[in-house]
């Protein structure tokens, strides 16, 4: 992954969504965060309890919301969890093979949220910008002859 998160978030898609949603963008992004936290926790709980049915809805939720904001890698892992769980419901078995994917889902969800926070919070540094206390100001000669 590059330092701007280009492999985790499609920033063109993200900015298109931001433009389409206008003033409601931040509110809807906060729903993604809230729903995502609950969904990831529900998926992890379902894995611990070996409850295949309980994997489907939270994975479906993350998949759709991640795609809305251009987080395709997160959506793909959620889709894999959802589709595997649906298949396992039909075959009446628990998808033990998803353990590594559920761990990856948590990591990717956290990374995606960090990137979204940097892109939307004016107090956080944006990709490509120098930040930090005590940095040298570039406008020291502004207004001087």
N, C-alpha and C. Protein backbone atom coordinates (compact mmCIF):
# COMPACT_ATOMS: atom_id res chain seq x y z
N UNK A 1 0.84 -1.18 0.00
CA UNK A 1 0.00 0.00 0.00
C UNK A 1 0.89 1.24 0.00
N UNK A 2 0.52 2.24 -0.78
CA UNK A 2 1.25 3.49 -0.73
C UNK A 2 0.76 4.31 0.46
N UNK A 3 1.47 5.39 0.78
CA UNK A 3 1.13 6.14 2.00
C UNK A 3 -0.20 6.87 1.92
N UNK A 4 -0.77 7.01 0.73
CA UNK A 4 -2.08 7.66 0.61
C UNK A 4 -3.22 6.67 0.71
N UNK A 5 -2.93 5.38 0.82
CA UNK A 5 -3.98 4.39 0.93
C UNK A 5 -4.63 4.07 -0.40
N UNK A 6 -3.90 4.30 -1.50
CA UNK A 6 -4.45 4.10 -2.83
C UNK A 6 -4.88 2.69 -3.14
N UNK A 7 -4.31 1.72 -2.48
CA UNK A 7 -4.72 0.33 -2.71
C UNK A 7 -5.90 -0.07 -1.83
N UNK A 8 -6.17 0.69 -0.81
CA UNK A 8 -7.27 0.39 0.10
C UNK A 8 -8.52 1.16 -0.27
N UNK A 9 -8.35 2.40 -0.71
CA UNK A 9 -9.48 3.26 -1.05
C UNK A 9 -9.28 3.81 -2.46
N UNK A 10 -10.32 3.72 -3.25
CA UNK A 10 -10.34 4.36 -4.56
C UNK A 10 -10.77 5.81 -4.31
N UNK A 11 -9.79 6.71 -4.28
CA UNK A 11 -10.07 8.09 -3.90
C UNK A 11 -10.94 8.81 -4.92
N UNK A 12 -10.87 8.43 -6.18
CA UNK A 12 -11.74 9.04 -7.19
C UNK A 12 -13.19 8.70 -6.86
N UNK A 13 -13.46 7.44 -6.56
CA UNK A 13 -14.80 7.01 -6.18
C UNK A 13 -15.24 7.70 -4.89
N UNK A 14 -14.33 7.77 -3.93
CA UNK A 14 -14.61 8.42 -2.64
C UNK A 14 -15.03 9.87 -2.86
N UNK A 15 -14.26 10.61 -3.66
CA UNK A 15 -14.57 12.02 -3.90
C UNK A 15 -15.85 12.19 -4.72
N UNK A 16 -16.12 11.25 -5.62
CA UNK A 16 -17.37 11.29 -6.38
C UNK A 16 -18.56 11.14 -5.42
N UNK A 17 -18.45 10.20 -4.50
CA UNK A 17 -19.50 9.99 -3.50
C UNK A 17 -19.66 11.23 -2.62
N UNK A 18 -18.53 11.82 -2.25
CA UNK A 18 -18.58 13.03 -1.43
C UNK A 18 -19.34 14.14 -2.15
N UNK A 19 -19.06 14.29 -3.44
CA UNK A 19 -19.75 15.31 -4.23
C UNK A 19 -21.23 15.04 -4.38
N UNK A 20 -21.58 13.78 -4.59
CA UNK A 20 -22.99 13.40 -4.77
C UNK A 20 -23.80 13.57 -3.48
N UNK A 21 -23.19 13.26 -2.35
CA UNK A 21 -23.91 13.33 -1.08
C UNK A 21 -23.92 14.74 -0.48
N UNK A 22 -23.00 15.56 -0.93
CA UNK A 22 -22.97 16.95 -0.47
C UNK A 22 -22.85 17.09 1.03
N UNK A 23 -23.67 17.94 1.64
CA UNK A 23 -23.56 18.19 3.07
C UNK A 23 -23.85 16.97 3.94
N UNK A 24 -24.55 15.99 3.42
CA UNK A 24 -24.86 14.79 4.20
C UNK A 24 -23.73 13.77 4.21
N UNK A 25 -22.65 14.05 3.49
CA UNK A 25 -21.57 13.08 3.35
C UNK A 25 -20.98 12.66 4.70
N UNK A 26 -20.63 13.61 5.54
CA UNK A 26 -19.98 13.28 6.82
C UNK A 26 -20.92 12.47 7.70
N UNK A 27 -22.20 12.81 7.70
CA UNK A 27 -23.18 12.06 8.49
C UNK A 27 -23.27 10.61 8.01
N UNK A 28 -23.31 10.43 6.69
CA UNK A 28 -23.43 9.08 6.13
C UNK A 28 -22.14 8.30 6.34
N UNK A 29 -21.00 8.98 6.26
CA UNK A 29 -19.73 8.32 6.55
C UNK A 29 -19.68 7.88 8.01
N UNK A 30 -20.28 8.66 8.90
CA UNK A 30 -20.31 8.27 10.31
C UNK A 30 -21.17 7.02 10.51
N UNK A 31 -22.21 6.86 9.68
CA UNK A 31 -23.01 5.64 9.74
C UNK A 31 -22.17 4.44 9.31
N UNK A 32 -21.33 4.63 8.30
CA UNK A 32 -20.43 3.56 7.86
C UNK A 32 -19.55 3.12 9.03
N UNK A 33 -19.01 4.08 9.74
CA UNK A 33 -18.14 3.75 10.88
C UNK A 33 -18.91 3.01 11.96
N UNK A 34 -20.07 3.56 12.35
CA UNK A 34 -20.88 2.95 13.41
C UNK A 34 -21.35 1.55 13.02
N UNK A 35 -21.92 1.44 11.83
CA UNK A 35 -22.41 0.13 11.36
C UNK A 35 -21.26 -0.84 11.21
N UNK A 36 -20.13 -0.35 10.72
CA UNK A 36 -18.98 -1.21 10.51
C UNK A 36 -18.43 -1.79 11.80
N UNK A 37 -18.34 -0.95 12.82
CA UNK A 37 -17.86 -1.42 14.13
C UNK A 37 -18.77 -2.54 14.63
N UNK A 38 -20.07 -2.30 14.54
CA UNK A 38 -21.04 -3.31 15.00
C UNK A 38 -20.98 -4.57 14.14
N UNK A 39 -20.86 -4.39 12.84
CA UNK A 39 -20.84 -5.55 11.93
C UNK A 39 -19.59 -6.39 12.10
N UNK A 40 -18.44 -5.75 12.22
CA UNK A 40 -17.19 -6.51 12.42
C UNK A 40 -17.26 -7.27 13.74
N UNK A 41 -17.75 -6.62 14.78
CA UNK A 41 -17.89 -7.30 16.08
C UNK A 41 -18.86 -8.47 15.97
N UNK A 42 -19.95 -8.30 15.24
CA UNK A 42 -20.93 -9.38 15.07
C UNK A 42 -20.34 -10.56 14.30
N UNK A 43 -19.54 -10.26 13.29
CA UNK A 43 -18.88 -11.33 12.52
C UNK A 43 -17.90 -12.08 13.41
N UNK A 44 -17.11 -11.35 14.18
CA UNK A 44 -16.15 -12.00 15.08
C UNK A 44 -16.88 -12.86 16.12
N UNK A 45 -17.98 -12.35 16.65
CA UNK A 45 -18.77 -13.11 17.63
C UNK A 45 -19.36 -14.37 16.99
N UNK A 46 -19.87 -14.24 15.78
CA UNK A 46 -20.43 -15.39 15.07
C UNK A 46 -19.37 -16.46 14.83
N UNK A 47 -18.15 -16.03 14.54
CA UNK A 47 -17.07 -17.00 14.35
C UNK A 47 -16.76 -17.72 15.66
N UNK A 48 -16.71 -16.96 16.76
CA UNK A 48 -16.44 -17.59 18.06
C UNK A 48 -17.53 -18.58 18.43
N UNK A 49 -18.78 -18.22 18.12
CA UNK A 49 -19.91 -19.08 18.48
C UNK A 49 -20.21 -20.13 17.42
N UNK A 50 -19.47 -20.12 16.33
CA UNK A 50 -19.68 -21.01 15.19
C UNK A 50 -21.13 -20.94 14.71
N UNK A 51 -21.60 -19.71 14.52
CA UNK A 51 -22.95 -19.44 14.08
C UNK A 51 -22.90 -18.93 12.64
N UNK A 52 -23.04 -19.83 11.70
CA UNK A 52 -22.91 -19.50 10.28
C UNK A 52 -23.95 -18.48 9.83
N UNK A 53 -25.18 -18.64 10.27
CA UNK A 53 -26.26 -17.74 9.86
C UNK A 53 -25.96 -16.30 10.29
N UNK A 54 -25.35 -16.14 11.46
CA UNK A 54 -25.06 -14.80 11.98
C UNK A 54 -23.93 -14.10 11.23
N UNK A 55 -23.26 -14.77 10.34
CA UNK A 55 -22.20 -14.15 9.54
C UNK A 55 -22.75 -13.34 8.36
N UNK A 56 -23.90 -13.74 7.85
CA UNK A 56 -24.39 -13.24 6.57
C UNK A 56 -24.75 -11.75 6.60
N UNK A 57 -25.64 -11.33 7.46
CA UNK A 57 -26.13 -9.94 7.43
C UNK A 57 -25.05 -8.90 7.72
N UNK A 58 -24.23 -9.09 8.75
CA UNK A 58 -23.20 -8.06 8.97
C UNK A 58 -22.18 -7.99 7.83
N UNK A 59 -21.86 -9.13 7.24
CA UNK A 59 -20.94 -9.11 6.09
C UNK A 59 -21.58 -8.40 4.90
N UNK A 60 -22.86 -8.64 4.70
CA UNK A 60 -23.60 -7.98 3.63
C UNK A 60 -23.63 -6.46 3.84
N UNK A 61 -23.81 -6.04 5.07
CA UNK A 61 -23.85 -4.61 5.42
C UNK A 61 -22.52 -3.94 5.11
N UNK A 62 -21.43 -4.54 5.57
CA UNK A 62 -20.11 -3.96 5.32
C UNK A 62 -19.82 -3.91 3.83
N UNK A 63 -20.17 -4.96 3.12
CA UNK A 63 -19.91 -5.02 1.68
C UNK A 63 -20.54 -3.83 0.97
N UNK A 64 -21.81 -3.59 1.21
CA UNK A 64 -22.51 -2.51 0.52
C UNK A 64 -21.99 -1.13 0.90
N UNK A 65 -21.76 -0.91 2.18
CA UNK A 65 -21.31 0.40 2.62
C UNK A 65 -19.88 0.68 2.19
N UNK A 66 -19.03 -0.33 2.20
CA UNK A 66 -17.65 -0.15 1.75
C UNK A 66 -17.60 0.23 0.27
N UNK A 67 -18.41 -0.43 -0.53
CA UNK A 67 -18.45 -0.11 -1.96
C UNK A 67 -18.94 1.31 -2.20
N UNK A 68 -19.85 1.77 -1.38
CA UNK A 68 -20.38 3.13 -1.54
C UNK A 68 -19.25 4.17 -1.43
N UNK A 69 -18.25 3.90 -0.59
CA UNK A 69 -17.18 4.86 -0.35
C UNK A 69 -15.88 4.52 -1.06
N UNK A 70 -15.89 3.53 -1.95
CA UNK A 70 -14.69 3.22 -2.72
C UNK A 70 -13.69 2.33 -2.00
N UNK A 71 -14.13 1.62 -0.97
CA UNK A 71 -13.24 0.72 -0.22
C UNK A 71 -13.43 -0.71 -0.75
N UNK A 72 -13.05 -0.93 -1.98
CA UNK A 72 -13.29 -2.21 -2.64
C UNK A 72 -12.60 -3.40 -1.98
N UNK A 73 -11.34 -3.29 -1.52
CA UNK A 73 -10.73 -4.45 -0.85
C UNK A 73 -11.51 -4.90 0.39
N UNK A 74 -12.02 -3.95 1.15
CA UNK A 74 -12.86 -4.28 2.31
C UNK A 74 -14.15 -4.95 1.86
N UNK A 75 -14.75 -4.42 0.81
CA UNK A 75 -15.99 -4.99 0.27
C UNK A 75 -15.76 -6.42 -0.22
N UNK A 76 -14.62 -6.68 -0.84
CA UNK A 76 -14.35 -8.02 -1.36
C UNK A 76 -14.21 -9.06 -0.26
N UNK A 77 -13.55 -8.68 0.83
CA UNK A 77 -13.43 -9.63 1.96
C UNK A 77 -14.80 -9.88 2.58
N UNK A 78 -15.58 -8.83 2.74
CA UNK A 78 -16.93 -8.98 3.30
C UNK A 78 -17.78 -9.85 2.37
N UNK A 79 -17.64 -9.65 1.07
CA UNK A 79 -18.40 -10.46 0.11
C UNK A 79 -17.99 -11.93 0.17
N UNK A 80 -16.70 -12.18 0.34
CA UNK A 80 -16.23 -13.56 0.48
C UNK A 80 -16.83 -14.21 1.73
N UNK A 81 -16.84 -13.48 2.83
CA UNK A 81 -17.42 -14.01 4.07
C UNK A 81 -18.91 -14.28 3.88
N UNK A 82 -19.62 -13.33 3.29
CA UNK A 82 -21.05 -13.49 3.06
C UNK A 82 -21.35 -14.68 2.16
N UNK A 83 -20.70 -14.75 1.02
CA UNK A 83 -21.01 -15.82 0.06
C UNK A 83 -20.61 -17.19 0.59
N UNK A 84 -19.49 -17.26 1.29
CA UNK A 84 -19.07 -18.54 1.88
C UNK A 84 -20.05 -18.98 2.96
N UNK A 85 -20.48 -18.02 3.78
CA UNK A 85 -21.45 -18.35 4.83
C UNK A 85 -22.77 -18.83 4.23
N UNK A 86 -23.22 -18.18 3.17
CA UNK A 86 -24.48 -18.60 2.52
C UNK A 86 -24.35 -20.03 1.98
N UNK A 87 -23.22 -20.33 1.37
CA UNK A 87 -23.00 -21.67 0.84
C UNK A 87 -22.96 -22.70 1.98
N UNK A 88 -22.30 -22.32 3.06
CA UNK A 88 -22.20 -23.24 4.20
C UNK A 88 -23.54 -23.46 4.90
N UNK A 89 -24.41 -22.48 4.85
CA UNK A 89 -25.76 -22.68 5.39
C UNK A 89 -26.47 -23.76 4.59
N UNK A 90 -26.33 -23.68 3.27
CA UNK A 90 -26.97 -24.69 2.41
C UNK A 90 -26.38 -26.07 2.61
N UNK A 91 -25.09 -26.16 2.86
CA UNK A 91 -24.44 -27.47 3.03
C UNK A 91 -24.36 -27.90 4.49
N UNK A 92 -24.91 -27.08 5.36
CA UNK A 92 -24.99 -27.38 6.80
C UNK A 92 -23.63 -27.66 7.44
N UNK A 93 -22.71 -26.74 7.20
CA UNK A 93 -21.41 -26.84 7.86
C UNK A 93 -20.95 -25.45 8.26
N UNK A 94 -19.97 -25.38 9.17
CA UNK A 94 -19.43 -24.09 9.59
C UNK A 94 -18.19 -23.76 8.77
N UNK A 95 -18.05 -22.52 8.33
CA UNK A 95 -16.91 -22.14 7.47
C UNK A 95 -15.64 -21.81 8.26
N UNK A 96 -14.99 -22.84 8.80
CA UNK A 96 -13.75 -22.64 9.54
C UNK A 96 -12.68 -21.94 8.70
N UNK A 97 -12.75 -22.12 7.39
CA UNK A 97 -11.74 -21.54 6.51
C UNK A 97 -11.77 -20.01 6.49
N UNK A 98 -12.79 -19.41 7.09
CA UNK A 98 -12.92 -17.95 7.08
C UNK A 98 -12.19 -17.25 8.23
N UNK A 99 -11.57 -18.00 9.12
CA UNK A 99 -10.93 -17.38 10.28
C UNK A 99 -9.92 -16.31 9.86
N UNK A 100 -9.04 -16.64 8.94
CA UNK A 100 -8.03 -15.68 8.49
C UNK A 100 -8.67 -14.48 7.81
N UNK A 101 -9.75 -14.71 7.07
CA UNK A 101 -10.44 -13.61 6.39
C UNK A 101 -11.12 -12.67 7.38
N UNK A 102 -11.64 -13.21 8.47
CA UNK A 102 -12.27 -12.38 9.49
C UNK A 102 -11.22 -11.51 10.19
N UNK A 103 -10.04 -12.07 10.43
CA UNK A 103 -8.94 -11.29 11.01
C UNK A 103 -8.55 -10.17 10.04
N UNK A 104 -8.43 -10.50 8.76
CA UNK A 104 -8.08 -9.51 7.74
C UNK A 104 -9.17 -8.44 7.63
N UNK A 105 -10.43 -8.85 7.76
CA UNK A 105 -11.54 -7.90 7.72
C UNK A 105 -11.37 -6.83 8.79
N UNK A 106 -11.07 -7.24 10.00
CA UNK A 106 -10.87 -6.29 11.11
C UNK A 106 -9.72 -5.33 10.79
N UNK A 107 -8.60 -5.87 10.34
CA UNK A 107 -7.44 -5.03 10.04
C UNK A 107 -7.76 -4.03 8.93
N UNK A 108 -8.39 -4.50 7.88
CA UNK A 108 -8.70 -3.65 6.74
C UNK A 108 -9.76 -2.61 7.09
N UNK A 109 -10.72 -2.98 7.91
CA UNK A 109 -11.73 -2.02 8.36
C UNK A 109 -11.06 -0.89 9.15
N UNK A 110 -10.15 -1.24 10.05
CA UNK A 110 -9.46 -0.23 10.85
C UNK A 110 -8.60 0.67 9.96
N UNK A 111 -7.87 0.09 9.02
CA UNK A 111 -7.04 0.88 8.10
C UNK A 111 -7.90 1.81 7.25
N UNK A 112 -9.01 1.30 6.76
CA UNK A 112 -9.91 2.09 5.93
C UNK A 112 -10.46 3.28 6.72
N UNK A 113 -10.86 3.04 7.94
CA UNK A 113 -11.36 4.13 8.78
C UNK A 113 -10.30 5.18 9.06
N UNK A 114 -9.06 4.75 9.27
CA UNK A 114 -7.97 5.70 9.47
C UNK A 114 -7.81 6.60 8.25
N UNK A 115 -7.85 6.00 7.08
CA UNK A 115 -7.70 6.76 5.84
C UNK A 115 -8.87 7.72 5.65
N UNK A 116 -10.08 7.26 5.93
CA UNK A 116 -11.25 8.13 5.82
C UNK A 116 -11.14 9.30 6.80
N UNK A 117 -10.65 9.02 8.00
CA UNK A 117 -10.48 10.07 9.00
C UNK A 117 -9.48 11.12 8.52
N UNK A 118 -8.38 10.68 7.97
CA UNK A 118 -7.38 11.62 7.45
C UNK A 118 -7.94 12.46 6.30
N UNK A 119 -8.78 11.85 5.49
CA UNK A 119 -9.33 12.55 4.32
C UNK A 119 -10.45 13.51 4.67
N UNK A 120 -11.08 13.34 5.83
CA UNK A 120 -12.25 14.17 6.15
C UNK A 120 -12.09 15.05 7.37
N UNK A 121 -11.12 14.79 8.20
CA UNK A 121 -10.94 15.56 9.42
C UNK A 121 -9.89 16.65 9.19
N UNK A 122 -10.27 17.91 9.25
CA UNK A 122 -9.29 18.98 9.00
C UNK A 122 -8.17 19.04 10.04
N UNK A 123 -8.36 18.40 11.17
CA UNK A 123 -7.32 18.39 12.19
C UNK A 123 -6.27 17.31 11.96
N UNK A 124 -6.56 16.39 11.06
CA UNK A 124 -5.62 15.33 10.71
C UNK A 124 -4.84 15.76 9.49
N UNK A 125 -3.64 15.23 9.34
CA UNK A 125 -2.86 15.58 8.15
C UNK A 125 -3.39 14.83 6.95
N UNK A 126 -3.38 15.48 5.82
CA UNK A 126 -3.83 14.89 4.58
C UNK A 126 -2.64 14.22 3.90
N UNK A 127 -2.90 13.23 3.04
CA UNK A 127 -1.80 12.59 2.32
C UNK A 127 -0.97 13.62 1.57
N UNK A 128 0.36 13.53 1.73
CA UNK A 128 1.26 14.40 1.03
C UNK A 128 1.57 15.70 1.75
N UNK A 129 0.93 15.96 2.88
CA UNK A 129 1.19 17.19 3.61
C UNK A 129 2.09 16.91 4.80
N UNK A 130 2.92 17.91 5.12
CA UNK A 130 3.77 17.81 6.30
C UNK A 130 2.96 18.34 7.47
N UNK A 131 2.99 17.61 8.56
CA UNK A 131 2.23 18.04 9.72
C UNK A 131 3.09 17.93 10.96
N UNK A 132 2.66 18.57 11.99
CA UNK A 132 3.36 18.42 13.25
C UNK A 132 3.63 19.76 13.90
N UNK A 133 3.83 19.73 15.17
CA UNK A 133 4.11 20.92 15.95
C UNK A 133 5.52 21.39 15.65
N UNK A 134 5.68 22.68 15.46
CA UNK A 134 7.01 23.23 15.29
C UNK A 134 7.55 23.18 13.88
N UNK A 135 6.73 22.86 12.92
CA UNK A 135 7.25 22.85 11.56
C UNK A 135 7.52 24.28 11.12
N UNK A 136 8.47 24.42 10.24
CA UNK A 136 8.87 25.73 9.76
C UNK A 136 7.78 26.32 8.88
N UNK A 137 7.39 27.53 9.16
CA UNK A 137 6.38 28.21 8.36
C UNK A 137 7.02 28.68 7.06
N UNK A 138 6.30 28.53 5.96
CA UNK A 138 6.82 28.91 4.66
C UNK A 138 6.51 30.35 4.30
N UNK A 139 5.76 31.06 5.10
CA UNK A 139 5.36 32.41 4.75
C UNK A 139 6.09 33.48 5.57
N UNK A 140 7.30 33.21 5.99
CA UNK A 140 8.01 34.15 6.84
C UNK A 140 8.33 35.47 6.14
N UNK A 141 8.41 35.47 4.82
CA UNK A 141 8.72 36.70 4.09
C UNK A 141 7.49 37.34 3.49
N UNK A 142 6.34 36.84 3.82
CA UNK A 142 5.10 37.38 3.25
C UNK A 142 4.93 38.84 3.64
N UNK A 143 4.70 39.70 2.67
CA UNK A 143 4.44 41.11 2.93
C UNK A 143 5.69 41.95 3.10
N UNK A 144 6.86 41.35 3.03
CA UNK A 144 8.10 42.12 3.15
C UNK A 144 8.63 42.51 1.79
N UNK A 145 9.27 43.66 1.76
CA UNK A 145 9.82 44.14 0.49
C UNK A 145 11.25 43.71 0.36
